[in-house]
Amino acid sequence: MEQRSAVWAVMVIGMRSAQLPPHLALCHSPCRHWIVSAGGGSESYQCFFQSKEHACGRHGSPALTPLSPHSVARFRLDHLLPGDWSALLRHCRSLTSPHGSFTYSSPGDTAVATTAGDAASAVVTNVAFMHIVERTAGDFVPNNMIYHELQWRYSVSPCYIAETDTDAGDFTSWLRCLQRGEANMETECAADEDAGDPLACTALAMEKTAQNMQLFPADVFSSSAFAFDPRCQRRDAGGGIFTFFPHAVVVSDCIPFCSQYFVVMVNHKPIVPNHLMVVPIRCVGTIHALTQKEVEDWGRVMHLTLRVLKRVSAVRGRAGDHASSDSSAAHIGAVEGGFSIAIQQGTFAGQTVPHLHTHVIPFDPRGKLAGEPEDEAVQRRQPCRTGAQMREETEMFKSYFELLVGWGVGGLTHAMQPKQ
């Protein structure tokens, strides 16, 4: 098992983090509320800005380009490149511990109507940030009320809207100051990556980890190839059982993609259609138990998963269009729309399955809010989908993962079936 060094630090050019002041924080002392945001110096922001520059035929630096009063282009978390996803997770780990309960969440960005002229504007409103909220017993009832609160209390005004004394205006001003500030020195101190994790050192979880790693062996991966490994495409291998600890999951029903260290799973009780989860192959319960290689892989898988979801949305949106035959890589992510991203770590944060998992949920501001408050008893009574229903969705997603990995999206090596 890879070990993290006892102390390591790296300057992340574009990633910034800070604790919200008491008048803006969602929770009260002694609990804390942080924001981790990608800044203008991040590779992801630079690429996003350049794409807007290219769209309107201009070239320049984001820092030197004057603000347009008509811009509504929004740089969101789903625009992050793999390296910045990993940097974001490292910041989350450095601010928290495996011993408490924390909600790590971006509940989805509200839609802003755009015009053709706006879409070509090179001015960007940066809403690529993650909330970290320290949790206590009974602080939000039902638990998913927290996502509703984060969604509506921390909206970010476009650049052309004057900031006011409202909560939203105050947060917008604070966030822009954070994003313009110096990047944080990213540090982690740990002698053992599993220290404090509730699963990593328990006998049953370790046994199930060994079985998962036999099912999805990391040694079939090449560090540089983008093409699929034929060994990973055996359709007769899908009957294996993966442990989403402590639950047994039929691979062919639920897992459309596997990287070196993670699987992507469909949800047996999705909040909205196409609700996916990114799950480590090892049975660990916290982000702090992930190794450095796993953190890097998480960033790649998150990036790819979001691109797949955007691709699915784009194709379905063109279903009635004559353009539906267009499947070029240039159109990936052309459909704009937010995503709710959430990690629930600890009982007070609503973590009901102890195996670490990241929720990736398509967010449609015109439809059901991903964090809409709902009676938890009603949620528990919601029937699970059948294996056949999940298998149909898994097969659909599998084809999209294969397509995008074939194009080299996400920097991933393989989409795989488990080894027999």
Protein backbone atom coordinates (compact mmCIF):
# COMPACT_ATOMS: atom_id res chain seq x y z
CA MET A 1 0.00 0.00 0.00
CA GLU A 2 1.30 3.42 -0.94
CA GLN A 3 2.18 5.57 2.08
CA ARG A 4 1.90 9.36 2.22
CA SER A 5 5.03 11.08 3.44
CA ALA A 6 4.91 12.32 7.03
CA VAL A 7 4.82 15.96 5.89
CA TRP A 8 4.43 17.31 2.39
CA ALA A 9 3.49 20.67 0.92
CA VAL A 10 2.92 22.02 -2.57
CA MET A 11 1.82 25.40 -3.86
CA VAL A 12 -1.32 25.01 -5.92
CA ILE A 13 -1.32 27.94 -8.32
CA GLY A 14 -5.06 28.34 -8.65
CA MET A 15 -6.69 26.82 -5.55
CA ARG A 16 -7.77 28.95 -2.59
CA SER A 17 -9.52 28.19 0.68
CA ALA A 18 -10.71 30.13 3.74
CA GLN A 19 -13.14 29.89 6.63
CA LEU A 20 -16.29 31.96 6.24
CA PRO A 21 -16.71 34.76 8.80
CA PRO A 22 -19.42 34.18 11.44
CA HIS A 23 -21.99 36.47 9.80
CA LEU A 24 -21.80 34.48 6.57
CA ALA A 25 -21.29 30.95 7.90
CA LEU A 26 -24.12 28.45 7.70
CA CYS A 27 -23.25 26.91 11.07
CA HIS A 28 -22.53 28.48 14.44
CA SER A 29 -19.38 28.28 16.56
CA PRO A 30 -17.65 26.01 17.41
CA CYS A 31 -18.52 24.36 14.07
CA ARG A 32 -16.82 25.75 11.02
CA HIS A 33 -17.74 26.51 7.41
CA TRP A 34 -15.03 26.76 4.76
CA ILE A 35 -14.98 27.55 1.06
CA VAL A 36 -12.47 25.98 -1.34
CA SER A 37 -12.41 27.71 -4.72
CA ALA A 38 -10.49 27.54 -7.97
CA GLY A 39 -8.96 30.92 -8.73
CA GLY A 40 -8.13 32.70 -11.95
CA GLY A 41 -4.66 31.19 -11.98
CA SER A 42 -5.93 27.61 -12.16
CA GLU A 43 -5.38 25.66 -15.34
CA SER A 44 -9.10 24.98 -15.51
CA TYR A 45 -10.02 28.67 -15.38
CA GLN A 46 -7.41 29.55 -17.97
CA CYS A 47 -8.74 26.89 -20.35
CA PHE A 48 -12.33 27.99 -19.78
CA PHE A 49 -11.47 31.64 -20.34
CA GLN A 50 -9.52 30.85 -23.49
CA SER A 51 -12.48 28.92 -24.86
CA LYS A 52 -14.62 32.04 -24.37
CA GLU A 53 -11.91 34.16 -25.97
CA HIS A 54 -11.85 31.83 -28.94
CA ALA A 55 -15.65 31.92 -29.22
CA CYS A 56 -15.64 35.70 -29.69
CA GLY A 57 -12.40 35.86 -31.70
CA ARG A 58 -10.31 37.62 -29.03
CA HIS A 59 -7.11 36.68 -27.30
CA GLY A 60 -5.77 37.96 -24.01
CA SER A 61 -5.23 37.43 -20.32
CA PRO A 62 -8.19 37.11 -17.95
CA ALA A 63 -6.54 39.53 -15.57
CA LEU A 64 -6.09 42.19 -18.26
CA THR A 65 -9.43 41.94 -20.00
CA PRO A 66 -11.90 44.66 -18.95
CA LEU A 67 -15.21 43.54 -17.53
CA SER A 68 -18.17 43.58 -19.84
CA PRO A 69 -21.50 44.74 -18.40
CA HIS A 70 -23.25 41.99 -20.36
CA SER A 71 -21.36 38.87 -19.28
CA VAL A 72 -23.13 35.90 -17.72
CA ALA A 73 -20.61 33.15 -18.57
CA ARG A 74 -20.15 31.06 -15.41
CA PHE A 75 -17.11 28.97 -14.57
CA ARG A 76 -18.34 26.10 -12.40
CA LEU A 77 -16.91 23.03 -10.69
CA ASP A 78 -17.95 20.86 -13.62
CA HIS A 79 -15.45 22.82 -15.74
CA LEU A 80 -12.50 21.72 -13.56
CA LEU A 81 -9.77 19.67 -15.19
CA PRO A 82 -8.58 16.48 -13.46
CA GLY A 83 -5.61 18.08 -11.70
CA ASP A 84 -7.74 20.81 -10.18
CA TRP A 85 -10.33 18.28 -8.98
CA SER A 86 -7.52 16.49 -7.15
CA ALA A 87 -6.19 19.76 -5.76
CA LEU A 88 -9.65 20.60 -4.45
CA LEU A 89 -9.88 17.27 -2.63
CA ARG A 90 -6.43 17.74 -1.10
CA HIS A 91 -7.56 21.11 0.25
CA CYS A 92 -10.66 19.50 1.72
CA ARG A 93 -8.49 16.93 3.47
CA SER A 94 -6.09 19.52 4.84
CA LEU A 95 -8.93 21.51 6.44
CA THR A 96 -10.74 18.60 8.10
CA SER A 97 -10.07 15.34 9.92
CA PRO A 98 -11.33 11.74 9.70
CA HIS A 99 -12.70 11.96 13.24
CA GLY A 100 -15.52 14.48 12.74
CA SER A 101 -18.58 14.74 10.51
CA PHE A 102 -18.36 16.99 7.46
CA THR A 103 -20.47 17.81 4.44
CA TYR A 104 -18.39 18.57 1.34
CA SER A 105 -20.78 19.99 -1.22
CA SER A 106 -21.43 22.12 -4.25
CA PRO A 107 -25.23 22.02 -4.44
CA GLY A 108 -25.53 23.24 -8.04
CA ASP A 109 -25.45 26.60 -9.73
CA THR A 110 -28.63 28.49 -10.54
CA ALA A 111 -29.36 29.04 -14.21
CA VAL A 112 -28.83 32.43 -15.78
CA ALA A 113 -30.48 33.20 -19.09
CA THR A 114 -27.98 33.93 -21.85
CA THR A 115 -28.09 35.51 -25.25
CA ALA A 116 -25.90 34.71 -28.23
CA GLY A 117 -23.82 37.80 -27.47
CA ASP A 118 -23.47 36.83 -23.83
CA ALA A 119 -22.36 33.31 -24.70
CA ALA A 120 -19.43 34.74 -26.65
CA SER A 121 -18.35 37.11 -23.88
CA ALA A 122 -14.86 36.59 -22.49
CA VAL A 123 -15.81 37.79 -19.03
CA VAL A 124 -16.41 35.01 -16.53
CA THR A 125 -18.25 34.78 -13.21
CA ASN A 126 -16.35 32.25 -11.11
CA VAL A 127 -18.68 29.93 -9.18
CA ALA A 128 -16.25 26.99 -9.02
CA PHE A 129 -16.21 26.47 -5.27
CA MET A 130 -16.96 23.78 -2.69
CA HIS A 131 -18.55 24.19 0.73
CA ILE A 132 -17.16 22.31 3.72
CA VAL A 133 -19.55 22.38 6.68
CA GLU A 134 -18.71 20.80 10.04
CA ARG A 135 -21.76 18.92 11.29
CA THR A 136 -23.36 18.22 14.66
CA ALA A 137 -26.28 16.04 15.71
CA GLY A 138 -29.64 17.40 14.56
CA ASP A 139 -28.26 20.57 12.97
CA PHE A 140 -30.36 20.07 9.81
CA VAL A 141 -33.63 18.13 9.88
CA PRO A 142 -34.09 16.44 7.50
CA ASN A 143 -30.39 16.11 6.75
CA ASN A 144 -30.66 17.10 3.10
CA MET A 145 -32.03 20.50 4.17
CA ILE A 146 -28.38 21.57 4.25
CA TYR A 147 -28.15 21.36 0.45
CA HIS A 148 -31.29 23.46 0.11
CA GLU A 149 -29.78 26.09 2.42
CA LEU A 150 -26.43 26.10 0.62
CA GLN A 151 -28.18 26.42 -2.73
CA TRP A 152 -30.23 29.48 -1.87
CA ARG A 153 -28.08 31.30 0.70
CA TYR A 154 -24.84 31.26 -1.28
CA SER A 155 -25.81 32.28 -4.79
CA VAL A 156 -23.19 34.33 -6.63
CA SER A 157 -24.20 37.46 -8.52
CA PRO A 158 -22.91 37.89 -12.09
CA CYS A 159 -20.10 40.40 -12.54
CA TYR A 160 -22.36 43.07 -14.00
CA ILE A 161 -24.77 43.09 -11.03
CA ALA A 162 -23.86 45.63 -8.37
CA GLU A 163 -23.17 44.07 -5.00
CA THR A 164 -25.63 44.96 -2.25
CA ASP A 165 -25.82 44.58 1.51
CA THR A 166 -27.84 41.37 1.17
CA ASP A 167 -26.44 38.02 2.26
CA ALA A 168 -25.91 37.02 -1.37
CA GLY A 169 -24.10 40.27 -2.09
CA ASP A 170 -21.91 39.93 0.98
CA PHE A 171 -20.99 36.38 0.05
CA THR A 172 -20.29 37.37 -3.55
CA SER A 173 -17.91 40.11 -2.39
CA TRP A 174 -16.20 37.78 0.07
CA LEU A 175 -15.82 35.05 -2.56
CA ARG A 176 -14.32 37.41 -5.12
CA CYS A 177 -11.78 38.61 -2.58
CA LEU A 178 -10.87 35.00 -1.86
CA GLN A 179 -10.52 34.18 -5.55
CA ARG A 180 -8.31 37.22 -6.16
CA GLY A 181 -6.09 36.46 -3.17
CA GLU A 182 -2.92 34.43 -3.02
CA ALA A 183 -3.14 30.69 -3.56
CA ASN A 184 -2.90 28.57 -0.43
CA MET A 185 0.08 26.47 0.46
CA GLU A 186 -1.38 23.00 0.37
CA THR A 187 -0.14 20.84 3.24
CA GLU A 188 -0.90 17.44 4.62
CA CYS A 189 0.68 15.76 7.61
CA ALA A 190 0.13 12.08 8.14
CA ALA A 191 2.24 9.10 9.06
CA ASP A 192 -0.43 6.63 8.03
CA GLU A 193 -3.10 7.35 5.45
CA ASP A 194 -5.55 5.04 7.26
CA ALA A 195 -5.21 6.67 10.69
CA GLY A 196 -8.62 7.45 12.13
CA ASP A 197 -10.57 5.93 9.26
CA PRO A 198 -13.50 3.86 10.57
CA LEU A 199 -13.17 1.14 7.92
CA ALA A 200 -9.64 0.91 6.63
CA CYS A 201 -8.26 -1.19 9.50
CA THR A 202 -11.30 -3.31 10.40
CA ALA A 203 -10.99 -7.00 9.57
CA LEU A 204 -14.17 -7.39 7.51
CA ALA A 205 -13.56 -4.22 5.50
CA MET A 206 -9.99 -5.31 4.77
CA GLU A 207 -11.27 -8.70 3.62
CA LYS A 208 -13.79 -7.05 1.29
CA THR A 209 -11.12 -4.66 0.01
CA ALA A 210 -8.98 -7.64 -0.99
CA GLN A 211 -11.94 -9.16 -2.84
CA ASN A 212 -12.71 -5.87 -4.61
CA MET A 213 -9.10 -5.53 -5.68
CA GLN A 214 -9.14 -9.06 -7.10
CA LEU A 215 -12.31 -8.19 -8.99
CA PHE A 216 -10.81 -4.95 -10.35
CA PRO A 217 -7.03 -5.52 -10.39
CA ALA A 218 -5.01 -2.33 -10.75
CA ASP A 219 -2.17 -4.10 -12.54
CA VAL A 220 -4.13 -4.34 -15.81
CA PHE A 221 -3.74 -0.59 -16.26
CA SER A 222 -1.12 1.16 -18.31
CA SER A 223 -0.01 4.57 -17.08
CA SER A 224 -0.12 6.15 -20.53
CA ALA A 225 -2.53 4.31 -22.85
CA PHE A 226 -5.97 5.75 -23.49
CA ALA A 227 -7.27 2.76 -25.45
CA PHE A 228 -9.30 0.01 -23.84
CA ASP A 229 -7.51 -3.11 -22.73
CA PRO A 230 -9.24 -6.11 -24.40
CA ARG A 231 -8.95 -8.02 -21.10
CA CYS A 232 -11.32 -5.50 -19.57
CA GLN A 233 -14.07 -5.94 -22.14
CA ARG A 234 -15.22 -9.47 -21.35
CA ARG A 235 -18.99 -9.34 -21.18
CA ASP A 236 -19.12 -12.65 -19.29
CA ALA A 237 -17.28 -11.11 -16.34
CA GLY A 238 -20.05 -8.77 -15.29
CA GLY A 239 -21.63 -11.18 -12.84
CA GLY A 240 -19.01 -10.44 -10.19
CA ILE A 241 -19.92 -8.99 -6.81
CA PHE A 242 -18.40 -5.69 -5.70
CA THR A 243 -18.64 -4.71 -2.03
CA PHE A 244 -19.94 -1.19 -1.52
CA PHE A 245 -19.30 -1.81 2.14
CA PRO A 246 -21.19 -3.50 3.61
CA HIS A 247 -23.51 -4.03 0.63
CA ALA A 248 -22.97 -6.56 -2.16
CA VAL A 249 -23.39 -5.00 -5.62
CA VAL A 250 -23.76 -6.92 -8.88
CA VAL A 251 -21.22 -5.38 -11.24
CA SER A 252 -23.28 -5.86 -14.40
CA ASP A 253 -26.25 -4.13 -12.76
CA CYS A 254 -24.54 -1.13 -11.24
CA ILE A 255 -20.99 -0.38 -12.45
CA PRO A 256 -20.50 1.10 -15.93
CA PHE A 257 -16.88 2.15 -15.41
CA CYS A 258 -13.78 1.30 -13.40
CA SER A 259 -10.49 3.16 -13.20
CA GLN A 260 -7.35 2.02 -11.43
CA TYR A 261 -8.68 2.90 -7.98
CA PHE A 262 -12.38 3.82 -8.37
CA VAL A 263 -15.65 2.57 -9.78
CA VAL A 264 -18.58 4.62 -11.01
CA MET A 265 -21.94 3.30 -9.80
CA VAL A 266 -25.55 4.00 -10.68
CA ASN A 267 -27.84 4.63 -7.72
CA HIS A 268 -30.51 2.22 -6.50
CA LYS A 269 -32.57 5.19 -5.21
CA PRO A 270 -31.59 8.08 -7.47
CA ILE A 271 -32.59 11.59 -6.42
CA VAL A 272 -32.95 12.56 -10.08
CA PRO A 273 -32.31 10.59 -13.31
CA ASN A 274 -28.63 9.81 -14.01
CA HIS A 275 -27.56 10.20 -10.37
CA LEU A 276 -24.09 8.58 -10.23
CA MET A 277 -21.58 7.83 -7.46
CA VAL A 278 -17.78 7.69 -7.57
CA VAL A 279 -16.61 4.99 -5.14
CA PRO A 280 -13.09 3.85 -4.16
CA ILE A 281 -12.32 0.18 -4.77
CA ARG A 282 -10.79 0.00 -1.30
CA CYS A 283 -13.30 -0.08 1.53
CA VAL A 284 -12.50 3.20 3.26
CA GLY A 285 -14.86 5.63 4.95
CA THR A 286 -13.18 9.04 4.67
CA ILE A 287 -11.38 11.18 2.13
CA HIS A 288 -8.42 11.19 4.53
CA ALA A 289 -7.80 7.47 3.99
CA LEU A 290 -7.15 7.91 0.27
CA THR A 291 -3.55 7.63 -0.91
CA GLN A 292 -1.97 10.30 -3.10
CA LYS A 293 -2.42 8.09 -6.16
CA GLU A 294 -6.08 7.58 -5.29
CA VAL A 295 -6.58 11.34 -4.93
CA GLU A 296 -5.11 11.88 -8.39
CA ASP A 297 -7.30 9.13 -9.83
CA TRP A 298 -10.39 10.61 -8.13
CA GLY A 299 -9.78 13.85 -10.01
CA ARG A 300 -9.60 12.03 -13.33
CA VAL A 301 -12.73 9.99 -12.63
CA MET A 302 -14.72 13.04 -11.50
CA HIS A 303 -13.76 14.92 -14.65
CA LEU A 304 -14.68 12.01 -16.89
CA THR A 305 -17.96 11.28 -15.09
CA LEU A 306 -19.12 14.87 -15.50
CA ARG A 307 -18.17 14.83 -19.18
CA VAL A 308 -20.17 11.64 -19.64
CA LEU A 309 -23.21 13.18 -17.97
CA LYS A 310 -22.90 16.27 -20.14
CA ARG A 311 -22.61 14.09 -23.21
CA VAL A 312 -25.73 12.12 -22.26
CA SER A 313 -27.62 15.37 -21.75
CA ALA A 314 -26.41 16.77 -25.06
CA VAL A 315 -27.39 13.70 -27.05
CA ARG A 316 -30.79 13.44 -25.41
CA GLY A 317 -31.35 17.15 -25.92
CA ARG A 318 -30.71 16.67 -29.63
CA ALA A 319 -32.83 13.53 -29.88
CA GLY A 320 -35.37 15.34 -32.04
CA ASP A 321 -32.72 17.27 -33.91
CA HIS A 322 -31.19 16.51 -37.29
CA ALA A 323 -27.85 17.15 -35.53
CA SER A 324 -28.19 13.98 -33.46
CA SER A 325 -25.75 12.14 -35.69
CA ASP A 326 -22.91 14.48 -34.65
CA SER A 327 -20.73 12.66 -32.10
CA SER A 328 -17.49 14.61 -32.35
CA ALA A 329 -15.39 15.25 -29.27
CA ALA A 330 -15.73 18.99 -29.85
CA HIS A 331 -19.34 18.83 -28.71
CA ILE A 332 -18.67 17.20 -25.34
CA GLY A 333 -19.94 19.43 -22.60
CA ALA A 334 -21.67 21.80 -25.01
CA VAL A 335 -24.81 21.52 -22.92
CA GLU A 336 -24.58 23.89 -19.97
CA GLY A 337 -26.09 22.95 -16.66
CA GLY A 338 -24.98 22.57 -13.10
CA PHE A 339 -24.29 19.48 -11.05
CA SER A 340 -24.74 18.83 -7.36
CA ILE A 341 -21.55 17.32 -5.92
CA ALA A 342 -21.62 15.94 -2.39
CA ILE A 343 -19.57 13.82 -0.01
CA GLN A 344 -21.20 12.96 3.32
CA GLN A 345 -18.50 12.03 5.81
CA GLY A 346 -19.64 10.88 9.23
CA THR A 347 -22.97 10.00 10.82
CA PHE A 348 -23.99 13.60 11.53
CA ALA A 349 -23.42 14.45 7.86
CA GLY A 350 -25.97 11.82 6.81
CA GLN A 351 -23.51 9.13 5.73
CA THR A 352 -25.71 6.03 5.79
CA VAL A 353 -23.32 3.79 3.81
CA PRO A 354 -19.93 3.77 5.59
CA HIS A 355 -18.02 3.21 2.33
CA LEU A 356 -16.79 6.59 1.04
CA HIS A 357 -18.65 7.82 -2.05
CA THR A 358 -19.04 11.04 -4.02
CA HIS A 359 -22.51 11.88 -5.31
CA VAL A 360 -22.63 13.40 -8.81
CA ILE A 361 -26.17 14.59 -9.47
CA PRO A 362 -27.42 16.47 -12.55
CA PHE A 363 -28.96 19.73 -11.38
CA ASP A 364 -31.81 21.37 -13.26
CA PRO A 365 -32.84 24.67 -11.62
CA ARG A 366 -36.10 24.52 -13.59
CA GLY A 367 -36.99 21.14 -12.12
CA LYS A 368 -36.50 19.34 -8.83
CA LEU A 369 -33.74 20.74 -6.67
CA ALA A 370 -31.27 17.99 -5.84
CA GLY A 371 -31.27 19.02 -2.20
CA GLU A 372 -34.99 19.65 -1.89
CA PRO A 373 -36.10 19.00 1.70
CA GLU A 374 -37.99 15.76 2.00
CA ASP A 375 -39.25 13.72 4.92
CA GLU A 376 -36.62 11.06 5.65
CA ALA A 377 -39.31 8.46 6.38
CA VAL A 378 -40.66 9.07 2.87
CA GLN A 379 -37.16 8.64 1.47
CA ARG A 380 -36.72 5.32 3.26
CA ARG A 381 -40.04 4.06 1.86
CA GLN A 382 -39.03 4.89 -1.69
CA PRO A 383 -38.72 1.55 -3.51
CA CYS A 384 -35.33 0.52 -4.83
CA ARG A 385 -34.98 0.11 -8.56
CA THR A 386 -34.85 -3.41 -9.90
CA GLY A 387 -31.66 -5.00 -11.15
CA ALA A 388 -33.03 -4.87 -14.69
CA GLN A 389 -33.70 -1.13 -14.43
CA MET A 390 -30.23 -0.41 -13.12
CA ARG A 391 -28.64 -2.74 -15.68
CA GLU A 392 -30.30 -0.85 -18.53
CA GLU A 393 -28.91 2.44 -17.23
CA THR A 394 -25.49 0.87 -16.60
CA GLU A 395 -25.27 -0.42 -20.18
CA MET A 396 -26.23 3.01 -21.50
CA PHE A 397 -23.55 4.73 -19.42
CA LYS A 398 -20.97 2.08 -20.29
CA SER A 399 -21.20 2.99 -23.97
CA TYR A 400 -20.61 6.67 -23.17
CA PHE A 401 -17.64 5.95 -20.91
CA GLU A 402 -16.13 3.78 -23.64
CA LEU A 403 -16.66 6.53 -26.22
CA LEU A 404 -15.10 9.31 -24.16
CA VAL A 405 -12.19 7.24 -22.89
CA GLY A 406 -11.56 6.34 -26.53
CA TRP A 407 -11.30 10.06 -27.23
CA GLY A 408 -8.84 10.48 -24.36
CA VAL A 409 -11.19 12.51 -22.15
CA GLY A 410 -10.22 12.61 -18.48
CA GLY A 411 -6.71 11.22 -18.82
CA LEU A 412 -7.97 7.74 -17.90
CA THR A 413 -6.56 4.50 -19.13
CA HIS A 414 -9.42 2.03 -19.27
CA ALA A 415 -13.08 1.43 -18.76
CA MET A 416 -13.17 -2.09 -17.53
CA GLN A 417 -15.11 -5.17 -16.70
CA PRO A 418 -14.00 -7.12 -13.63
CA LYS A 419 -11.48 -9.91 -13.98
CA GLN A 420 -12.61 -13.52 -13.58
